[in-house]
Amino acid sequence: MICTLYAHYTGFDRINKKIQEFFPGGKLSVSKEGNSDVLECEIKGGLLKPSGKLKISYREKEKPSYNIAENDHSPLTNNLRGLYGYVRSL
């Protein structure tokens, strides 16, 4: 399953810290995939509990703001334009 979250708050380090707090026994790894920072957390299962894996791909605008700049054509800004168009059509 994929879940996309758009937020004005920035900071990959803050997300990393929260995941460590929420899954203290999880095996964490951080890497880079293109323009995204990637955090993977592997959680061991138990006798009756299956193991799990969480993957977070994080991107942020070069200059975070509420406005979508006309001259910004980064992949994230293009996604935001698409989301804006979708919500506007509703």
Protein backbone atom coordinates (compact mmCIF):
# COMPACT_ATOMS: atom_id res chain seq x y z
CA MET A 1 0.00 0.00 0.00
CA ILE A 2 1.20 3.52 -0.80
CA CYS A 3 0.16 6.57 1.18
CA THR A 4 1.11 10.09 0.08
CA LEU A 5 1.22 12.87 2.65
CA TYR A 6 1.62 16.52 1.71
CA ALA A 7 2.58 18.77 4.63
CA HIS A 8 4.00 22.22 5.12
CA TYR A 9 6.25 21.00 7.93
CA THR A 10 9.70 19.99 6.71
CA GLY A 11 12.53 17.95 8.13
CA PHE A 12 13.56 14.41 7.29
CA ASP A 13 15.45 14.24 10.59
CA ARG A 14 12.21 14.88 12.51
CA ILE A 15 10.52 11.98 10.71
CA ASN A 16 13.50 9.71 11.39
CA LYS A 17 13.36 10.60 15.10
CA LYS A 18 9.60 9.93 15.32
CA ILE A 19 9.96 6.53 13.61
CA GLN A 20 12.73 5.59 16.05
CA GLU A 21 10.47 6.59 18.96
CA PHE A 22 7.45 4.71 17.60
CA PHE A 23 9.38 1.54 16.62
CA PRO A 24 12.23 1.36 19.17
CA GLY A 25 13.14 -2.22 18.22
CA GLY A 26 12.99 -1.60 14.48
CA LYS A 27 16.02 -1.92 12.22
CA LEU A 28 16.40 1.45 10.46
CA SER A 29 18.30 2.28 7.31
CA VAL A 30 18.56 5.61 5.49
CA SER A 31 19.48 6.02 1.83
CA LYS A 32 19.01 8.26 -1.19
CA GLU A 33 16.89 7.47 -4.29
CA GLY A 34 17.09 10.22 -6.90
CA ASN A 35 15.77 13.41 -5.29
CA SER A 36 14.29 11.56 -2.31
CA ASP A 37 15.63 10.62 1.10
CA VAL A 38 14.46 7.13 1.97
CA LEU A 39 13.96 5.66 5.43
CA GLU A 40 13.24 1.95 5.78
CA CYS A 41 12.22 0.37 9.06
CA GLU A 42 12.04 -3.39 9.45
CA ILE A 43 10.05 -4.64 12.44
CA LYS A 44 10.55 -8.20 13.63
CA GLY A 45 7.48 -10.27 14.22
CA GLY A 46 6.76 -12.56 17.11
CA LEU A 47 5.16 -15.92 17.61
CA LEU A 48 1.71 -14.78 16.48
CA LYS A 49 2.68 -11.43 14.99
CA PRO A 50 4.07 -11.14 11.45
CA SER A 51 7.11 -9.02 10.72
CA GLY A 52 6.60 -5.77 8.85
CA LYS A 53 8.43 -3.21 6.78
CA LEU A 54 7.82 0.51 6.47
CA LYS A 55 9.36 2.60 3.71
CA ILE A 56 9.18 6.40 3.73
CA SER A 57 10.28 8.37 0.68
CA TYR A 58 10.76 12.06 1.56
CA ARG A 59 11.00 15.05 -0.75
CA GLU A 60 10.70 18.74 -0.06
CA LYS A 61 10.67 21.88 -2.16
CA GLU A 62 13.93 23.80 -2.40
CA LYS A 63 12.20 26.83 -0.87
CA PRO A 64 9.24 25.57 1.19
CA SER A 65 6.21 27.88 0.92
CA TYR A 66 2.46 27.80 0.45
CA ASN A 67 2.82 29.21 -3.05
CA ILE A 68 3.59 27.16 -6.16
CA ALA A 69 6.16 29.15 -8.12
CA GLU A 70 5.59 29.29 -11.88
CA ASN A 71 9.30 28.77 -12.64
CA ASP A 72 9.67 25.75 -10.30
CA HIS A 73 9.43 22.54 -12.33
CA SER A 74 10.79 20.08 -9.78
CA PRO A 75 9.10 16.67 -9.56
CA LEU A 76 7.56 17.54 -6.18
CA THR A 77 6.14 20.83 -7.46
CA ASN A 78 4.66 19.03 -10.46
CA ASN A 79 2.96 16.59 -8.04
CA LEU A 80 1.62 19.55 -6.05
CA ARG A 81 0.22 21.13 -9.23
CA GLY A 82 -1.55 17.87 -10.03
CA LEU A 83 -2.98 17.63 -6.52
CA TYR A 84 -4.13 21.27 -6.72
CA GLY A 85 -5.83 20.63 -10.06
CA TYR A 86 -7.55 17.52 -8.71
CA VAL A 87 -8.88 19.27 -5.59
CA ARG A 88 -9.96 22.30 -7.64
CA SER A 89 -11.98 20.06 -9.98
CA LEU A 90 -14.01 18.69 -7.07
